[in-house]
């Protein structure tokens, strides 16, 4: 069955007649890339969500600094395996947090309050899914020290509770 990209020339009858499967932009792999790129452009234009975005990225940057510093300390005390476990444990939490921050602070304002709520819920679902996949891949593919991994994982997981006292909105 041939695959064609949808255009204005394709009619329903011709698609049915030639049994052509039509791929729209929404079903392609690039759809998510262009949607995220467009949302980044919209985010840069929305001033109401800017303080929340800045606060979220400050928390993420602080988490990265804490993971790198604790990994360096771990490297000098326990060695390379513990160092890798601390880095991996931290970034298993940081990567989903970045996706959550991009998704959650896309909309702002009273007119889009429903979109704000939906983006927070979908961002949290996506964050949990990405975190579960990264944990599964870590234990399946890599050799790590569980205590160092979960210590770093837990530290970065509670980091937003601690950084709310350090950074003000």
N, C-alpha and C. Protein backbone atom coordinates (compact mmCIF):
# COMPACT_ATOMS: atom_id res chain seq x y z
N UNK A 1 0.85 -1.17 0.00
CA UNK A 1 0.00 0.00 0.00
C UNK A 1 0.90 1.24 0.00
N UNK A 2 0.84 2.08 -1.02
CA UNK A 2 1.71 3.25 -1.08
C UNK A 2 1.32 4.29 -0.03
N UNK A 3 2.30 5.06 0.39
CA UNK A 3 2.07 6.09 1.41
C UNK A 3 2.35 7.44 0.77
N UNK A 4 1.42 8.35 0.89
CA UNK A 4 1.57 9.70 0.36
C UNK A 4 1.32 10.70 1.48
N UNK A 5 1.96 11.85 1.39
CA UNK A 5 1.65 12.91 2.32
C UNK A 5 0.39 13.62 1.86
N UNK A 6 -0.40 14.04 2.80
CA UNK A 6 -1.67 14.65 2.47
C UNK A 6 -1.45 16.05 1.90
N UNK A 7 -2.16 16.33 0.85
CA UNK A 7 -2.14 17.67 0.28
C UNK A 7 -3.57 18.03 -0.09
N UNK A 8 -3.76 19.23 -0.61
CA UNK A 8 -5.11 19.65 -0.97
C UNK A 8 -5.63 18.92 -2.20
N UNK A 9 -4.75 18.37 -3.01
CA UNK A 9 -5.16 17.69 -4.24
C UNK A 9 -5.77 16.33 -3.96
N UNK A 10 -5.40 15.68 -2.89
CA UNK A 10 -5.92 14.35 -2.60
C UNK A 10 -7.40 14.45 -2.22
N UNK A 11 -8.19 13.70 -2.88
CA UNK A 11 -9.61 13.66 -2.53
C UNK A 11 -9.91 12.34 -1.85
N UNK A 12 -11.02 12.31 -1.15
CA UNK A 12 -11.42 11.10 -0.45
C UNK A 12 -11.65 9.97 -1.45
N UNK A 13 -12.23 10.28 -2.59
CA UNK A 13 -12.52 9.26 -3.59
C UNK A 13 -11.23 8.64 -4.13
N UNK A 14 -10.25 9.48 -4.48
CA UNK A 14 -8.99 8.96 -5.02
C UNK A 14 -8.25 8.11 -3.99
N UNK A 15 -8.30 8.53 -2.73
CA UNK A 15 -7.66 7.75 -1.68
C UNK A 15 -8.33 6.39 -1.54
N UNK A 16 -9.67 6.39 -1.64
CA UNK A 16 -10.41 5.13 -1.53
C UNK A 16 -10.16 4.26 -2.76
N UNK A 17 -10.14 4.88 -3.94
CA UNK A 17 -10.00 4.16 -5.19
C UNK A 17 -8.63 3.46 -5.28
N UNK A 18 -7.58 4.18 -4.94
CA UNK A 18 -6.25 3.63 -5.07
C UNK A 18 -5.74 2.99 -3.78
N UNK A 19 -6.57 2.99 -2.75
CA UNK A 19 -6.23 2.40 -1.44
C UNK A 19 -4.90 2.97 -0.93
N UNK A 20 -4.81 4.27 -0.93
CA UNK A 20 -3.60 4.97 -0.51
C UNK A 20 -3.75 5.33 0.96
N UNK A 21 -2.75 4.98 1.75
CA UNK A 21 -2.74 5.38 3.14
C UNK A 21 -2.15 6.78 3.23
N UNK A 22 -2.85 7.70 3.85
CA UNK A 22 -2.44 9.09 3.91
C UNK A 22 -1.86 9.37 5.29
N UNK A 23 -0.66 9.90 5.32
CA UNK A 23 -0.04 10.31 6.57
C UNK A 23 -0.19 11.82 6.70
N UNK A 24 -0.83 12.23 7.74
CA UNK A 24 -0.92 13.66 7.99
C UNK A 24 0.28 14.08 8.81
N UNK A 25 0.47 15.37 8.94
CA UNK A 25 1.59 15.88 9.72
C UNK A 25 1.46 15.45 11.18
N UNK A 26 0.21 15.30 11.66
CA UNK A 26 -0.02 14.95 13.04
C UNK A 26 0.45 13.53 13.34
N UNK A 27 0.41 12.65 12.36
CA UNK A 27 0.80 11.27 12.61
C UNK A 27 2.28 11.02 12.35
N UNK A 28 3.00 12.03 11.92
CA UNK A 28 4.42 11.82 11.64
C UNK A 28 5.25 12.04 12.89
N UNK A 29 6.50 11.65 12.82
CA UNK A 29 7.40 11.80 13.96
C UNK A 29 7.77 13.25 14.21
N UNK A 30 7.68 14.07 13.20
CA UNK A 30 8.09 15.45 13.33
C UNK A 30 7.02 16.33 13.96
N UNK A 31 5.81 15.81 14.11
CA UNK A 31 4.73 16.61 14.66
C UNK A 31 5.07 17.10 16.06
N UNK A 32 5.56 16.21 16.92
CA UNK A 32 5.87 16.57 18.30
C UNK A 32 6.99 17.60 18.35
N UNK A 33 7.98 17.46 17.45
CA UNK A 33 9.08 18.42 17.40
C UNK A 33 8.56 19.82 17.05
N UNK A 34 7.73 19.92 16.01
CA UNK A 34 7.22 21.23 15.60
C UNK A 34 6.26 21.80 16.63
N UNK A 35 5.49 20.94 17.32
CA UNK A 35 4.57 21.41 18.34
C UNK A 35 5.35 21.98 19.53
N UNK A 36 6.41 21.29 19.95
CA UNK A 36 7.23 21.79 21.05
C UNK A 36 7.96 23.08 20.65
N UNK A 37 8.42 23.14 19.40
CA UNK A 37 9.10 24.34 18.92
C UNK A 37 8.14 25.53 18.90
N UNK A 38 6.91 25.29 18.45
CA UNK A 38 5.91 26.35 18.45
C UNK A 38 5.56 26.76 19.87
N UNK A 39 5.48 25.80 20.78
CA UNK A 39 5.16 26.14 22.16
C UNK A 39 6.28 26.94 22.80
N UNK A 40 7.54 26.69 22.40
CA UNK A 40 8.64 27.50 22.92
C UNK A 40 8.53 28.94 22.43
N UNK A 41 8.12 29.12 21.19
CA UNK A 41 7.94 30.47 20.66
C UNK A 41 6.81 31.17 21.40
N UNK A 42 5.71 30.44 21.65
CA UNK A 42 4.59 31.01 22.39
C UNK A 42 5.01 31.34 23.82
N UNK A 43 5.82 30.47 24.41
CA UNK A 43 6.28 30.69 25.78
C UNK A 43 7.10 31.97 25.88
N UNK A 44 7.92 32.23 24.88
CA UNK A 44 8.75 33.42 24.92
C UNK A 44 7.91 34.69 24.79
N UNK A 45 6.73 34.60 24.16
CA UNK A 45 5.88 35.76 23.99
C UNK A 45 4.94 35.97 25.17
N UNK A 46 4.71 34.97 26.00
CA UNK A 46 3.79 35.06 27.11
C UNK A 46 4.52 35.59 28.34
N UNK A 47 4.15 36.79 28.76
CA UNK A 47 4.82 37.39 29.90
C UNK A 47 4.26 36.93 31.24
N UNK A 48 3.01 36.44 31.27
CA UNK A 48 2.40 36.04 32.53
C UNK A 48 3.05 34.78 33.10
N UNK A 49 3.50 33.89 32.27
CA UNK A 49 4.10 32.64 32.74
C UNK A 49 5.61 32.78 32.96
N UNK A 50 6.15 33.94 32.65
CA UNK A 50 7.60 34.11 32.73
C UNK A 50 8.16 33.92 34.14
N UNK A 51 7.57 34.47 35.20
CA UNK A 51 8.13 34.24 36.54
C UNK A 51 8.14 32.76 36.94
N UNK A 52 7.09 32.04 36.60
CA UNK A 52 7.04 30.61 36.90
C UNK A 52 8.09 29.83 36.14
N UNK A 53 8.27 30.18 34.86
CA UNK A 53 9.29 29.53 34.03
C UNK A 53 10.69 29.80 34.58
N UNK A 54 10.95 31.03 34.94
CA UNK A 54 12.26 31.40 35.47
C UNK A 54 12.52 30.64 36.77
N UNK A 55 11.51 30.58 37.64
CA UNK A 55 11.65 29.86 38.91
C UNK A 55 11.92 28.38 38.67
N UNK A 56 11.19 27.78 37.73
CA UNK A 56 11.38 26.35 37.43
C UNK A 56 12.78 26.09 36.89
N UNK A 57 13.26 26.93 36.01
CA UNK A 57 14.59 26.72 35.44
C UNK A 57 15.71 27.04 36.44
N UNK A 58 15.44 27.93 37.40
CA UNK A 58 16.40 28.14 38.49
C UNK A 58 16.51 26.88 39.34
N UNK A 59 15.36 26.25 39.61
CA UNK A 59 15.37 25.01 40.38
C UNK A 59 16.12 23.91 39.64
N UNK A 60 15.91 23.82 38.35
CA UNK A 60 16.59 22.80 37.55
C UNK A 60 18.09 23.06 37.51
N UNK A 61 18.48 24.32 37.33
CA UNK A 61 19.91 24.66 37.31
C UNK A 61 20.55 24.36 38.66
N UNK A 62 19.86 24.68 39.74
CA UNK A 62 20.38 24.39 41.08
C UNK A 62 20.51 22.88 41.29
N UNK A 63 19.55 22.12 40.79
CA UNK A 63 19.62 20.66 40.89
C UNK A 63 20.82 20.11 40.13
N UNK A 64 21.08 20.65 38.95
CA UNK A 64 22.24 20.21 38.17
C UNK A 64 23.54 20.50 38.92
N UNK A 65 23.63 21.69 39.52
CA UNK A 65 24.83 22.05 40.28
C UNK A 65 25.01 21.10 41.46
N UNK A 66 23.92 20.82 42.18
CA UNK A 66 24.01 19.92 43.33
C UNK A 66 24.44 18.52 42.90
N UNK A 67 23.90 18.02 41.79
CA UNK A 67 24.27 16.69 41.31
C UNK A 67 25.74 16.65 40.91
N UNK A 68 26.21 17.65 40.20
CA UNK A 68 27.61 17.66 39.76
C UNK A 68 28.55 17.76 40.95
N UNK A 69 28.24 18.62 41.93
CA UNK A 69 29.10 18.76 43.11
C UNK A 69 29.11 17.47 43.92
N UNK A 70 27.93 16.89 44.14
CA UNK A 70 27.89 15.64 44.91
C UNK A 70 28.57 14.49 44.15
N UNK A 71 28.49 14.50 42.83
CA UNK A 71 29.17 13.47 42.04
C UNK A 71 30.68 13.63 42.13
N UNK A 72 31.17 14.85 42.10
CA UNK A 72 32.63 15.06 42.24
C UNK A 72 33.13 14.64 43.62
N UNK A 73 32.36 14.97 44.65
CA UNK A 73 32.74 14.54 46.00
C UNK A 73 32.73 13.01 46.07
N UNK A 74 31.72 12.39 45.49
CA UNK A 74 31.63 10.93 45.48
C UNK A 74 32.78 10.32 44.71
N UNK A 75 33.18 10.94 43.61
CA UNK A 75 34.28 10.42 42.81
C UNK A 75 35.58 10.37 43.61
N UNK A 76 35.86 11.44 44.36
CA UNK A 76 37.11 11.48 45.11
C UNK A 76 37.08 10.56 46.34
N UNK A 77 35.91 10.23 46.85
CA UNK A 77 35.84 9.37 48.03
C UNK A 77 35.70 7.89 47.63
N UNK A 78 34.75 7.56 46.73
CA UNK A 78 34.44 6.16 46.45
C UNK A 78 34.85 5.67 45.05
N UNK A 79 35.05 6.54 44.10
CA UNK A 79 35.52 6.09 42.80
C UNK A 79 34.51 6.28 41.66
N UNK A 80 34.87 5.68 40.53
CA UNK A 80 34.16 5.94 39.28
C UNK A 80 32.74 5.35 39.27
N UNK A 81 32.57 4.15 39.78
CA UNK A 81 31.25 3.50 39.72
C UNK A 81 30.21 4.28 40.52
N UNK A 82 30.60 4.74 41.69
CA UNK A 82 29.68 5.55 42.50
C UNK A 82 29.43 6.91 41.84
N UNK A 83 30.47 7.47 41.23
CA UNK A 83 30.34 8.74 40.50
C UNK A 83 29.30 8.61 39.40
N UNK A 84 29.39 7.55 38.59
CA UNK A 84 28.43 7.35 37.51
C UNK A 84 27.03 7.13 38.06
N UNK A 85 26.91 6.41 39.16
CA UNK A 85 25.60 6.15 39.75
C UNK A 85 24.94 7.44 40.26
N UNK A 86 25.74 8.32 40.86
CA UNK A 86 25.21 9.59 41.34
C UNK A 86 24.76 10.47 40.17
N UNK A 87 25.57 10.54 39.12
CA UNK A 87 25.21 11.34 37.94
C UNK A 87 23.93 10.80 37.31
N UNK A 88 23.86 9.50 37.12
CA UNK A 88 22.68 8.90 36.48
C UNK A 88 21.45 9.07 37.36
N UNK A 89 21.59 8.86 38.67
CA UNK A 89 20.46 9.04 39.58
C UNK A 89 19.92 10.46 39.57
N UNK A 90 20.80 11.44 39.47
CA UNK A 90 20.35 12.83 39.42
C UNK A 90 19.66 13.18 38.12
N UNK A 91 20.24 12.72 37.03
CA UNK A 91 19.68 13.10 35.73
C UNK A 91 18.44 12.30 35.36
N UNK A 92 18.20 11.18 36.04
CA UNK A 92 16.93 10.46 35.85
C UNK A 92 15.77 11.31 36.36
N UNK A 93 16.03 12.20 37.30
CA UNK A 93 14.99 13.10 37.80
C UNK A 93 15.02 14.44 37.06
N UNK A 94 16.20 14.92 36.71
CA UNK A 94 16.31 16.25 36.11
C UNK A 94 15.71 16.28 34.70
N UNK A 95 15.95 15.27 33.91
CA UNK A 95 15.43 15.25 32.53
C UNK A 95 13.89 15.33 32.50
N UNK A 96 13.16 14.53 33.28
CA UNK A 96 11.70 14.70 33.30
C UNK A 96 11.25 16.05 33.85
N UNK A 97 12.02 16.62 34.79
CA UNK A 97 11.66 17.94 35.31
C UNK A 97 11.75 19.02 34.23
N UNK A 98 12.72 18.89 33.34
CA UNK A 98 12.84 19.85 32.24
C UNK A 98 11.62 19.76 31.32
N UNK A 99 11.22 18.52 30.98
CA UNK A 99 10.04 18.36 30.14
C UNK A 99 8.79 18.88 30.84
N UNK A 100 8.68 18.67 32.14
CA UNK A 100 7.54 19.18 32.88
C UNK A 100 7.52 20.71 32.86
N UNK A 101 8.67 21.34 33.06
CA UNK A 101 8.73 22.81 33.06
C UNK A 101 8.34 23.37 31.69
N UNK A 102 8.79 22.72 30.63
CA UNK A 102 8.41 23.19 29.29
C UNK A 102 6.92 23.03 29.04
N UNK A 103 6.35 21.94 29.50
CA UNK A 103 4.94 21.66 29.26
C UNK A 103 4.04 22.47 30.19
N UNK A 104 4.41 22.59 31.46
CA UNK A 104 3.53 23.21 32.44
C UNK A 104 3.40 24.72 32.28
N UNK A 105 4.46 25.38 31.89
CA UNK A 105 4.43 26.84 31.80
C UNK A 105 4.26 27.32 30.37
N UNK A 106 3.47 26.59 29.61
CA UNK A 106 3.20 26.99 28.24
C UNK A 106 2.12 28.07 28.17
N UNK A 107 1.10 27.97 29.02
CA UNK A 107 -0.03 28.90 29.00
C UNK A 107 -0.08 29.70 30.28
N UNK A 108 -0.71 30.88 30.21
CA UNK A 108 -0.91 31.71 31.40
C UNK A 108 -2.10 32.63 31.15
N UNK A 109 -2.68 33.12 32.22
CA UNK A 109 -3.76 34.08 32.11
C UNK A 109 -5.11 33.47 32.44
N UNK A 110 -6.07 34.37 32.67
CA UNK A 110 -7.41 33.94 33.06
C UNK A 110 -8.18 33.31 31.90
N UNK A 111 -7.92 33.75 30.69
CA UNK A 111 -8.64 33.19 29.54
C UNK A 111 -8.22 31.75 29.25
N UNK A 112 -7.02 31.42 29.56
CA UNK A 112 -6.54 30.07 29.27
C UNK A 112 -6.35 29.25 30.54
N UNK A 113 -7.20 29.48 31.55
CA UNK A 113 -7.03 28.77 32.82
C UNK A 113 -7.25 27.27 32.66
N UNK A 114 -8.17 26.89 31.77
CA UNK A 114 -8.39 25.47 31.53
C UNK A 114 -7.16 24.84 30.86
N UNK A 115 -6.55 25.57 29.93
CA UNK A 115 -5.34 25.08 29.27
C UNK A 115 -4.18 24.97 30.25
N UNK A 116 -4.11 25.91 31.20
CA UNK A 116 -3.06 25.87 32.21
C UNK A 116 -3.19 24.60 33.04
N UNK A 117 -4.40 24.32 33.49
CA UNK A 117 -4.64 23.13 34.30
C UNK A 117 -4.35 21.85 33.52
N UNK A 118 -4.81 21.80 32.26
CA UNK A 118 -4.56 20.63 31.43
C UNK A 118 -3.06 20.44 31.15
N UNK A 119 -2.34 21.54 30.94
CA UNK A 119 -0.91 21.42 30.67
C UNK A 119 -0.15 20.95 31.91
N UNK A 120 -0.59 21.38 33.11
CA UNK A 120 0.05 20.88 34.33
C UNK A 120 -0.20 19.40 34.51
N UNK A 121 -1.45 18.96 34.32
CA UNK A 121 -1.76 17.53 34.47
C UNK A 121 -1.04 16.68 33.44
N UNK A 122 -1.07 17.11 32.19
CA UNK A 122 -0.39 16.31 31.16
C UNK A 122 1.13 16.35 31.34
N UNK A 123 1.65 17.49 31.80
CA UNK A 123 3.08 17.57 32.08
C UNK A 123 3.51 16.64 33.20
N UNK A 124 2.67 16.54 34.24
CA UNK A 124 2.99 15.64 35.35
C UNK A 124 2.90 14.18 34.91
N UNK A 125 1.92 13.86 34.09
CA UNK A 125 1.83 12.48 33.56
C UNK A 125 3.06 12.14 32.72
N UNK A 126 3.44 13.08 31.86
CA UNK A 126 4.60 12.87 31.00
C UNK A 126 5.87 12.74 31.84
N UNK A 127 5.96 13.53 32.90
CA UNK A 127 7.12 13.48 33.79
C UNK A 127 7.23 12.11 34.45
N UNK A 128 6.12 11.60 34.96
CA UNK A 128 6.15 10.28 35.61
C UNK A 128 6.49 9.17 34.62
N UNK A 129 5.94 9.27 33.42
CA UNK A 129 6.21 8.26 32.40
C UNK A 129 7.68 8.26 31.99
N UNK A 130 8.23 9.43 31.74
CA UNK A 130 9.64 9.54 31.35
C UNK A 130 10.54 9.03 32.48
N UNK A 131 10.19 9.38 33.72
CA UNK A 131 11.00 8.94 34.85
C UNK A 131 10.97 7.42 34.99
N UNK A 132 9.80 6.82 34.81
CA UNK A 132 9.70 5.36 34.90
C UNK A 132 10.50 4.68 33.80
N UNK A 133 10.44 5.24 32.59
CA UNK A 133 11.20 4.67 31.47
C UNK A 133 12.71 4.79 31.73
N UNK A 134 13.14 5.94 32.23
CA UNK A 134 14.57 6.13 32.50
C UNK A 134 15.07 5.22 33.62
N UNK A 135 14.26 5.01 34.65
CA UNK A 135 14.65 4.09 35.72
C UNK A 135 14.75 2.67 35.19
N UNK A 136 13.76 2.27 34.39
CA UNK A 136 13.78 0.92 33.82
C UNK A 136 14.99 0.72 32.91
N UNK A 137 15.28 1.71 32.07
CA UNK A 137 16.45 1.61 31.19
C UNK A 137 17.76 1.60 31.98
N UNK A 138 17.80 2.35 33.05
CA UNK A 138 19.01 2.38 33.87
C UNK A 138 19.30 1.01 34.47
N UNK A 139 18.27 0.40 35.05
CA UNK A 139 18.50 -0.90 35.68
C UNK A 139 18.67 -2.02 34.65
N UNK A 140 18.11 -1.84 33.47
CA UNK A 140 18.25 -2.86 32.43
C UNK A 140 19.60 -2.78 31.72
N UNK A 141 20.07 -1.60 31.43
CA UNK A 141 21.23 -1.42 30.56
C UNK A 141 22.55 -1.13 31.28
N UNK A 142 22.51 -0.52 32.45
CA UNK A 142 23.73 -0.04 33.09
C UNK A 142 24.04 -0.81 34.37
N UNK A 143 25.31 -0.80 34.72
CA UNK A 143 25.74 -1.36 35.99
C UNK A 143 25.96 -0.19 36.94
N UNK A 144 25.15 -0.12 38.01
CA UNK A 144 25.22 1.01 38.93
C UNK A 144 25.28 0.49 40.36
N UNK A 145 25.63 1.41 41.24
CA UNK A 145 25.57 1.16 42.68
C UNK A 145 24.21 1.68 43.16
N UNK A 146 23.33 0.80 43.63
CA UNK A 146 21.96 1.22 43.99
C UNK A 146 21.89 2.28 45.08
N UNK A 147 22.77 2.20 46.09
CA UNK A 147 22.70 3.17 47.18
C UNK A 147 23.05 4.57 46.68
N UNK A 148 24.10 4.68 45.89
CA UNK A 148 24.49 5.99 45.34
C UNK A 148 23.42 6.50 44.37
N UNK A 149 22.88 5.61 43.56
CA UNK A 149 21.84 6.00 42.60
C UNK A 149 20.62 6.55 43.33
N UNK A 150 20.11 5.80 44.30
CA UNK A 150 18.88 6.23 44.98
C UNK A 150 19.10 7.40 45.93
N UNK A 151 20.31 7.57 46.43
CA UNK A 151 20.60 8.75 47.24
C UNK A 151 20.53 10.01 46.38
N UNK A 152 21.16 9.97 45.24
CA UNK A 152 21.11 11.11 44.32
C UNK A 152 19.70 11.32 43.78
N UNK A 153 19.03 10.23 43.45
CA UNK A 153 17.66 10.29 42.96
C UNK A 153 16.75 10.97 43.98
N UNK A 154 16.86 10.56 45.24
CA UNK A 154 16.03 11.13 46.30
C UNK A 154 16.37 12.58 46.57
N UNK A 155 17.66 12.90 46.55
CA UNK A 155 18.09 14.27 46.79
C UNK A 155 17.51 15.22 45.74
N UNK A 156 17.59 14.82 44.49
CA UNK A 156 17.07 15.69 43.42
C UNK A 156 15.54 15.70 43.41
N UNK A 157 14.93 14.63 43.87
CA UNK A 157 13.47 14.56 43.92
C UNK A 157 12.89 15.53 44.95
N UNK A 158 13.58 15.71 46.08
CA UNK A 158 13.10 16.66 47.10
C UNK A 158 13.68 18.05 46.92
N UNK A 159 14.53 18.24 45.93
CA UNK A 159 15.15 19.53 45.70
C UNK A 159 14.14 20.67 45.48
N UNK A 160 13.04 20.49 44.75
CA UNK A 160 12.08 21.60 44.61
C UNK A 160 11.50 22.07 45.95
N UNK A 161 11.39 21.18 46.93
CA UNK A 161 10.91 21.60 48.24
C UNK A 161 11.93 22.49 48.95
N UNK A 162 13.21 22.19 48.75
CA UNK A 162 14.26 22.96 49.39
C UNK A 162 14.53 24.28 48.67
N UNK A 163 14.48 24.27 47.35
CA UNK A 163 14.82 25.49 46.60
C UNK A 163 13.72 26.53 46.68
N UNK A 164 12.52 26.15 47.06
CA UNK A 164 11.47 27.17 47.20
C UNK A 164 11.79 28.14 48.31
N UNK A 165 12.61 27.72 49.29
CA UNK A 165 13.04 28.63 50.35
C UNK A 165 14.25 29.47 49.92
N UNK A 166 15.03 28.96 48.98
CA UNK A 166 16.23 29.68 48.55
C UNK A 166 15.93 30.75 47.50
N UNK A 167 15.01 30.44 46.57
CA UNK A 167 14.68 31.37 45.48
C UNK A 167 13.29 31.92 45.71
N UNK A 168 13.14 33.20 45.47
CA UNK A 168 11.83 33.83 45.61
C UNK A 168 11.28 34.12 44.24
N UNK A 169 9.94 34.05 44.11
CA UNK A 169 9.29 34.32 42.82
C UNK A 169 9.41 35.74 42.41
